[in-house]
Amino acid sequence: MLFRLIVIIASVLLGGCDQDVALSKGTLDKLGNNGVLIGHFSADGSKMVTVDSTNSLHVWETNSRTSEFSVPQEKMPELVREVVLSQDNTMLIVVGDNQLQFWSLPKQKLVTKVIFSGVSGYAHITSVALAPTMDKIVVAMSDGTVNMANLHTQVNNQFAPHSRPVMHVQWDDKGEMVMTAAQDGKLALWQFGSPEPLFTKEFNHRVTSLAVRRDFSEFFVSDALDNQVIASLLDGANKSELKYMARFKVFRKALFIEQSAYLATSSSKSHLTIWDTKSGNELGTWQINTLNAGATIVDMYAPSREKLVTLSSDGLLEEWALNMLATK
């Protein structure tokens, strides 16, 4: 009898908490007809930049969903590794294997090209982050190399703190400190230009997701198996750990909802999950709208504590009413 009761309780707990509250307010629009391989919202959410399956790049106005600028096809890298929008939305960086293209959005013209390399000859660029002050840039490589370059002085400090591809780079809001995380399971916080980290944190598996709160007070990090924590940016100490009934979850994109205790994460499949950052409890998991099997979230933006907008690999923009979580 006791075993049967445990099974019933487990079934209730595992049963769709995502059915309790319908967060989705539906699809806002579809960007093009060729899906989205790379997609990012600007810092203020007013613009989006996408690269589709035909290697076409567009900068969109978010409210109207109109394309404001496209990089000419003949000037695109053969393989786009990443795209970056400056915080003031005036500069677009298109990242190839070893080259950065700097485009002026107001003038809609190519300004310059800069080459970056790793310690090894075979390395290619895996992650790029432009400081909010726009005077410094971090270019991370597939061999674990990190380039910290001052764009004004053209001085580049090159280190090799990781042994595997560095997939995540995050700046603080003042453009003084930067965080890196890699497939070697190591995460570190750096003073820009310094070869010695302020602190490091190591996981048993590769880091798949990293998010930093806007005021740089805490961060969320997930490895590829079963270690997902929210930690302090003062010293890296854990503040909470995500709790869920499954054996493990795969985390891809993550976003702190500012001025709230919510964290949004996406899976490798078509799922959006909202968490309580203080307790680590899962508040619910919801299915995104999809056109194709295997569609996933490529980026998220929260204009307020009550609203979230997701961009999927199908090119669908979907809005979510986070204020509905108060009814749970």
Protein backbone atom coordinates (compact mmCIF):
# COMPACT_ATOMS: atom_id res chain seq x y z
CA MET A 1 0.00 0.00 0.00
CA LEU A 2 2.83 2.39 0.91
CA PHE A 3 4.61 1.71 -2.42
CA ARG A 4 1.39 2.39 -4.32
CA LEU A 5 0.90 5.68 -2.46
CA ILE A 6 4.47 6.74 -3.31
CA VAL A 7 3.85 5.97 -6.98
CA ILE A 8 0.64 8.03 -6.96
CA ILE A 9 2.37 10.99 -5.29
CA ALA A 10 5.27 10.80 -7.74
CA SER A 11 2.85 10.74 -10.66
CA VAL A 12 1.12 13.87 -9.37
CA LEU A 13 4.42 15.69 -8.83
CA LEU A 14 5.76 14.73 -12.24
CA GLY A 15 2.48 15.43 -13.99
CA GLY A 16 2.34 18.61 -16.06
CA CYS A 17 2.73 21.57 -13.81
CA ASP A 18 2.84 23.40 -17.13
CA GLN A 19 -0.89 22.73 -17.46
CA ASP A 20 -1.75 24.76 -14.34
CA VAL A 21 -1.18 28.18 -15.88
CA ALA A 22 -1.11 29.10 -19.57
CA LEU A 23 1.71 31.65 -19.82
CA SER A 24 1.92 31.96 -23.59
CA LYS A 25 0.08 34.87 -25.18
CA GLY A 26 0.79 33.42 -28.60
CA THR A 27 3.05 34.07 -31.57
CA LEU A 28 3.73 37.74 -32.31
CA ASP A 29 5.32 37.24 -35.72
CA LYS A 30 7.56 35.07 -37.88
CA LEU A 31 10.91 36.45 -39.05
CA GLY A 32 11.49 35.32 -42.64
CA ASN A 33 11.02 31.86 -44.12
CA ASN A 34 14.42 30.26 -43.53
CA GLY A 35 14.53 29.76 -39.76
CA VAL A 36 17.08 31.28 -37.38
CA LEU A 37 20.49 29.69 -36.75
CA ILE A 38 21.80 32.63 -34.69
CA GLY A 39 19.55 35.23 -33.08
CA HIS A 40 19.97 37.93 -30.44
CA PHE A 41 17.92 40.73 -28.93
CA SER A 42 19.69 44.04 -28.38
CA ALA A 43 20.40 45.09 -24.78
CA ASP A 44 17.29 47.29 -24.72
CA GLY A 45 15.17 44.87 -26.76
CA SER A 46 14.44 47.43 -29.47
CA LYS A 47 16.32 45.48 -32.15
CA MET A 48 17.09 41.89 -33.12
CA VAL A 49 19.82 40.44 -35.30
CA THR A 50 19.39 37.07 -37.00
CA VAL A 51 21.33 34.76 -39.32
CA ASP A 52 19.20 32.23 -41.18
CA SER A 53 19.87 28.92 -42.92
CA THR A 54 20.89 30.71 -46.15
CA ASN A 55 23.62 32.65 -44.27
CA SER A 56 21.60 35.86 -44.64
CA LEU A 57 21.93 38.42 -41.83
CA HIS A 58 19.21 40.90 -40.90
CA VAL A 59 18.85 43.56 -38.22
CA TRP A 60 15.18 43.95 -37.28
CA GLU A 61 13.16 46.63 -35.50
CA THR A 62 11.46 44.64 -32.76
CA ASN A 63 8.11 46.44 -32.52
CA SER A 64 7.40 46.56 -36.25
CA ARG A 65 9.40 43.39 -37.11
CA THR A 66 10.75 45.12 -40.20
CA SER A 67 14.28 44.53 -41.51
CA GLU A 68 16.31 47.73 -41.09
CA PHE A 69 19.61 46.45 -42.47
CA SER A 70 21.05 43.39 -44.17
CA VAL A 71 24.69 42.56 -44.72
CA PRO A 72 25.25 41.99 -48.46
CA GLN A 73 25.61 38.28 -49.18
CA GLU A 74 28.96 38.71 -50.91
CA LYS A 75 30.42 40.34 -47.79
CA MET A 76 29.27 37.69 -45.34
CA PRO A 77 31.82 35.22 -43.89
CA GLU A 78 31.52 31.74 -45.37
CA LEU A 79 30.51 30.53 -41.89
CA VAL A 80 29.11 32.97 -39.32
CA ARG A 81 30.17 31.94 -35.83
CA GLU A 82 28.41 34.74 -33.91
CA VAL A 83 26.88 38.20 -34.22
CA VAL A 84 27.10 41.01 -31.64
CA LEU A 85 25.19 44.28 -31.27
CA SER A 86 26.76 47.12 -29.31
CA GLN A 87 24.80 48.31 -26.27
CA ASP A 88 23.88 51.58 -28.00
CA ASN A 89 22.79 49.72 -31.17
CA THR A 90 25.18 51.62 -33.45
CA MET A 91 27.71 48.83 -34.10
CA LEU A 92 27.22 45.34 -35.50
CA ILE A 93 30.01 42.75 -35.28
CA VAL A 94 29.85 39.77 -37.62
CA VAL A 95 32.13 36.94 -36.53
CA GLY A 96 33.77 34.47 -38.90
CA ASP A 97 36.30 31.74 -38.19
CA ASN A 98 39.11 34.16 -37.30
CA GLN A 99 37.85 37.57 -38.35
CA LEU A 100 35.57 40.23 -36.90
CA GLN A 101 33.70 42.55 -39.27
CA PHE A 102 32.69 45.88 -37.67
CA TRP A 103 29.63 47.46 -39.33
CA SER A 104 28.22 50.92 -38.61
CA LEU A 105 24.44 50.61 -38.43
CA PRO A 106 23.67 54.36 -38.80
CA LYS A 107 25.89 54.53 -41.92
CA GLN A 108 25.13 50.94 -43.00
CA LYS A 109 28.72 50.38 -44.06
CA LEU A 110 31.67 48.17 -43.18
CA VAL A 111 34.11 50.08 -40.94
CA THR A 112 36.98 47.64 -40.46
CA LYS A 113 38.03 43.99 -40.17
CA VAL A 114 40.18 42.56 -37.36
CA ILE A 115 41.88 39.14 -37.21
CA PHE A 116 42.10 37.13 -33.97
CA SER A 117 43.87 33.83 -33.35
CA GLY A 118 44.41 31.34 -30.57
CA VAL A 119 47.57 29.83 -29.15
CA SER A 120 47.23 26.88 -31.54
CA GLY A 121 47.13 27.38 -35.28
CA TYR A 122 43.86 25.52 -35.79
CA ALA A 123 41.74 27.54 -33.34
CA HIS A 124 38.63 29.40 -34.47
CA ILE A 125 36.48 31.97 -32.67
CA THR A 126 33.78 30.51 -30.43
CA SER A 127 32.46 33.50 -28.47
CA VAL A 128 32.71 37.31 -28.62
CA ALA A 129 31.58 39.97 -26.15
CA LEU A 130 31.85 43.75 -26.62
CA ALA A 131 32.12 45.85 -23.46
CA PRO A 132 29.14 48.16 -22.77
CA THR A 133 31.64 51.03 -22.96
CA MET A 134 32.49 49.85 -26.54
CA ASP A 135 36.22 50.36 -25.98
CA LYS A 136 37.14 46.75 -25.14
CA ILE A 137 36.34 43.34 -26.56
CA VAL A 138 36.86 39.73 -25.50
CA VAL A 139 37.34 37.17 -28.26
CA ALA A 140 37.37 33.55 -27.07
CA MET A 141 38.66 30.61 -29.09
CA SER A 142 38.08 26.90 -29.65
CA ASP A 143 41.45 25.96 -28.10
CA GLY A 144 40.64 27.69 -24.77
CA THR A 145 42.43 30.94 -25.60
CA VAL A 146 40.94 34.24 -24.42
CA ASN A 147 41.88 37.51 -26.17
CA MET A 148 41.22 40.68 -24.15
CA ALA A 149 41.70 43.56 -26.60
CA ASN A 150 41.51 47.32 -26.08
CA LEU A 151 39.99 48.74 -29.26
CA HIS A 152 41.41 52.23 -28.65
CA THR A 153 45.03 51.29 -27.92
CA GLN A 154 44.91 48.10 -30.07
CA VAL A 155 46.67 46.23 -27.23
CA ASN A 156 45.64 42.58 -26.97
CA ASN A 157 46.25 40.53 -23.83
CA GLN A 158 46.13 36.85 -24.76
CA PHE A 159 45.76 34.07 -22.19
CA ALA A 160 45.02 30.35 -22.38
CA PRO A 161 43.06 29.68 -19.17
CA HIS A 162 40.86 26.93 -20.62
CA SER A 163 41.67 23.62 -22.31
CA ARG A 164 38.47 23.36 -24.38
CA PRO A 165 36.33 25.77 -26.44
CA VAL A 166 35.21 28.87 -24.53
CA MET A 167 31.50 29.14 -25.31
CA HIS A 168 30.36 31.87 -22.89
CA VAL A 169 31.66 35.38 -22.18
CA GLN A 170 29.80 37.94 -20.03
CA TRP A 171 30.73 41.55 -19.18
CA ASP A 172 29.81 43.49 -16.06
CA ASP A 173 27.76 46.67 -16.52
CA LYS A 174 30.82 48.95 -16.18
CA GLY A 175 33.05 47.19 -18.71
CA GLU A 176 35.73 46.34 -16.13
CA MET A 177 35.23 42.65 -15.36
CA VAL A 178 34.43 39.70 -17.57
CA MET A 179 33.34 36.11 -16.94
CA THR A 180 34.30 33.12 -19.11
CA ALA A 181 32.98 29.56 -19.14
CA ALA A 182 34.09 26.67 -21.32
CA GLN A 183 33.59 23.07 -22.33
CA ASP A 184 36.34 22.05 -19.89
CA GLY A 185 33.85 22.71 -17.07
CA LYS A 186 35.73 25.76 -15.79
CA LEU A 187 34.23 29.16 -15.08
CA ALA A 188 36.27 32.22 -14.08
CA LEU A 189 35.83 35.92 -13.31
CA TRP A 190 38.55 38.27 -14.56
CA GLN A 191 39.59 41.86 -14.18
CA PHE A 192 39.98 42.91 -17.82
CA GLY A 193 43.59 42.43 -18.95
CA SER A 194 44.69 40.47 -15.87
CA PRO A 195 46.12 36.94 -16.31
CA GLU A 196 44.95 35.90 -12.82
CA PRO A 197 41.23 35.27 -12.20
CA LEU A 198 39.38 36.85 -9.28
CA PHE A 199 37.84 33.42 -8.66
CA THR A 200 37.27 30.14 -10.48
CA LYS A 201 34.59 27.48 -10.27
CA GLU A 202 34.89 23.97 -11.70
CA PHE A 203 32.24 21.48 -12.77
CA ASN A 204 32.44 17.82 -13.73
CA HIS A 205 31.05 18.42 -17.20
CA ARG A 206 31.09 21.12 -19.89
CA VAL A 207 29.28 24.38 -19.15
CA THR A 208 26.19 24.59 -21.38
CA SER A 209 24.53 27.73 -20.04
CA LEU A 210 25.59 30.97 -18.33
CA ALA A 211 23.54 34.02 -17.35
CA VAL A 212 24.50 37.06 -15.29
CA ARG A 213 22.16 39.44 -13.51
CA ARG A 214 22.33 42.96 -14.93
CA ASP A 215 23.80 44.48 -11.74
CA PHE A 216 26.44 41.72 -11.71
CA SER A 217 25.35 40.55 -8.25
CA GLU A 218 24.82 36.88 -9.14
CA PHE A 219 25.07 34.40 -11.97
CA PHE A 220 23.47 31.15 -13.11
CA VAL A 221 25.60 28.34 -14.52
CA SER A 222 24.75 24.84 -15.69
CA ASP A 223 26.94 21.94 -16.67
CA ALA A 224 25.91 19.28 -19.18
CA LEU A 225 24.47 16.85 -16.64
CA ASP A 226 23.19 17.62 -13.17
CA ASN A 227 24.81 20.71 -11.69
CA GLN A 228 22.83 23.95 -11.99
CA VAL A 229 23.49 26.68 -9.45
CA ILE A 230 22.87 30.36 -8.79
CA ALA A 231 25.96 31.87 -7.21
CA SER A 232 27.31 35.15 -5.90
CA LEU A 233 29.59 37.21 -8.10
CA LEU A 234 31.51 38.37 -5.04
CA ASP A 235 33.26 35.03 -4.56
CA GLY A 236 31.43 32.41 -6.62
CA ALA A 237 29.74 30.88 -3.56
CA ASN A 238 26.50 28.99 -4.26
CA LYS A 239 23.27 30.73 -3.22
CA SER A 240 20.79 28.11 -4.45
CA GLU A 241 20.63 25.00 -6.61
CA LEU A 242 17.87 24.21 -9.10
CA LYS A 243 15.54 21.41 -8.01
CA TYR A 244 13.59 19.11 -10.32
CA MET A 245 12.19 15.58 -10.30
CA ALA A 246 13.89 14.32 -13.48
CA ARG A 247 17.25 12.61 -13.27
CA PHE A 248 18.84 15.48 -15.18
CA LYS A 249 17.89 18.39 -17.46
CA VAL A 250 19.77 19.99 -20.34
CA PHE A 251 19.98 23.79 -20.14
CA ARG A 252 20.77 26.02 -23.14
CA LYS A 253 19.72 29.66 -22.93
CA ALA A 254 19.12 31.32 -19.55
CA LEU A 255 17.91 34.77 -18.50
CA PHE A 256 17.38 36.48 -15.15
CA ILE A 257 14.08 38.37 -15.08
CA GLU A 258 15.21 41.68 -13.62
CA GLN A 259 13.53 43.04 -10.46
CA SER A 260 12.15 39.61 -9.71
CA ALA A 261 13.16 36.24 -8.29
CA TYR A 262 12.54 34.49 -11.62
CA LEU A 263 15.02 32.75 -13.91
CA ALA A 264 13.99 31.59 -17.40
CA THR A 265 15.79 28.68 -19.07
CA SER A 266 15.40 26.82 -22.34
CA SER A 267 16.09 23.17 -23.08
CA SER A 268 17.62 21.50 -26.12
CA LYS A 269 14.02 20.76 -27.08
CA SER A 270 11.01 23.06 -27.36
CA HIS A 271 10.63 23.89 -23.67
CA LEU A 272 10.68 27.04 -21.56
CA THR A 273 11.07 26.68 -17.78
CA ILE A 274 10.67 29.34 -15.08
CA TRP A 275 12.47 28.97 -11.72
CA ASP A 276 12.42 30.65 -8.32
CA THR A 277 16.02 31.84 -7.86
CA LYS A 278 15.80 31.98 -4.07
CA SER A 279 14.53 28.45 -3.47
CA GLY A 280 15.67 26.83 -6.71
CA ASN A 281 12.16 25.42 -7.20
CA GLU A 282 10.76 24.81 -10.69
CA LEU A 283 7.64 26.94 -11.15
CA GLY A 284 6.66 25.29 -14.41
CA THR A 285 7.68 24.13 -17.87
CA TRP A 286 5.86 25.16 -21.03
CA GLN A 287 5.99 24.13 -24.70
CA ILE A 288 6.90 26.89 -27.17
CA ASN A 289 5.05 27.23 -30.47
CA THR A 290 6.86 25.35 -33.23
CA LEU A 291 6.73 24.80 -36.97
CA ASN A 292 9.37 22.07 -37.17
CA ALA A 293 10.39 19.16 -34.95
CA GLY A 294 13.41 19.99 -32.82
CA ALA A 295 12.80 23.74 -32.74
CA THR A 296 14.34 25.47 -29.74
CA ILE A 297 14.74 28.92 -28.18
CA VAL A 298 17.71 30.87 -29.57
CA ASP A 299 17.28 33.98 -27.38
CA MET A 300 15.03 35.62 -24.78
CA TYR A 301 14.27 39.19 -23.68
CA ALA A 302 12.24 40.45 -20.72
CA PRO A 303 11.07 44.07 -21.18
CA SER A 304 9.62 43.98 -17.64
CA ARG A 305 9.22 41.60 -14.71
CA GLU A 306 5.79 40.72 -16.09
CA LYS A 307 6.62 39.91 -19.72
CA LEU A 308 9.05 37.65 -21.59
CA VAL A 309 9.61 37.40 -25.34
CA THR A 310 11.29 34.35 -26.91
CA LEU A 311 12.80 33.92 -30.37
CA SER A 312 12.84 30.35 -31.70
CA SER A 313 14.91 28.59 -34.34
CA ASP A 314 11.72 28.57 -36.46
CA GLY A 315 11.91 32.38 -36.45
CA LEU A 316 8.82 32.68 -34.24
CA LEU A 317 8.52 35.50 -31.71
CA GLU A 318 6.35 34.43 -28.79
CA GLU A 319 5.20 36.48 -25.81
CA TRP A 320 4.77 35.12 -22.27
CA ALA A 321 2.77 36.65 -19.39
CA LEU A 322 4.99 36.17 -16.34
CA ASN A 323 2.48 37.95 -14.11
CA MET A 324 0.36 34.79 -14.40
CA LEU A 325 2.93 33.01 -12.21
CA ALA A 326 1.49 34.87 -9.23
CA THR A 327 -1.63 32.71 -9.55
CA LYS A 328 0.32 29.46 -9.08
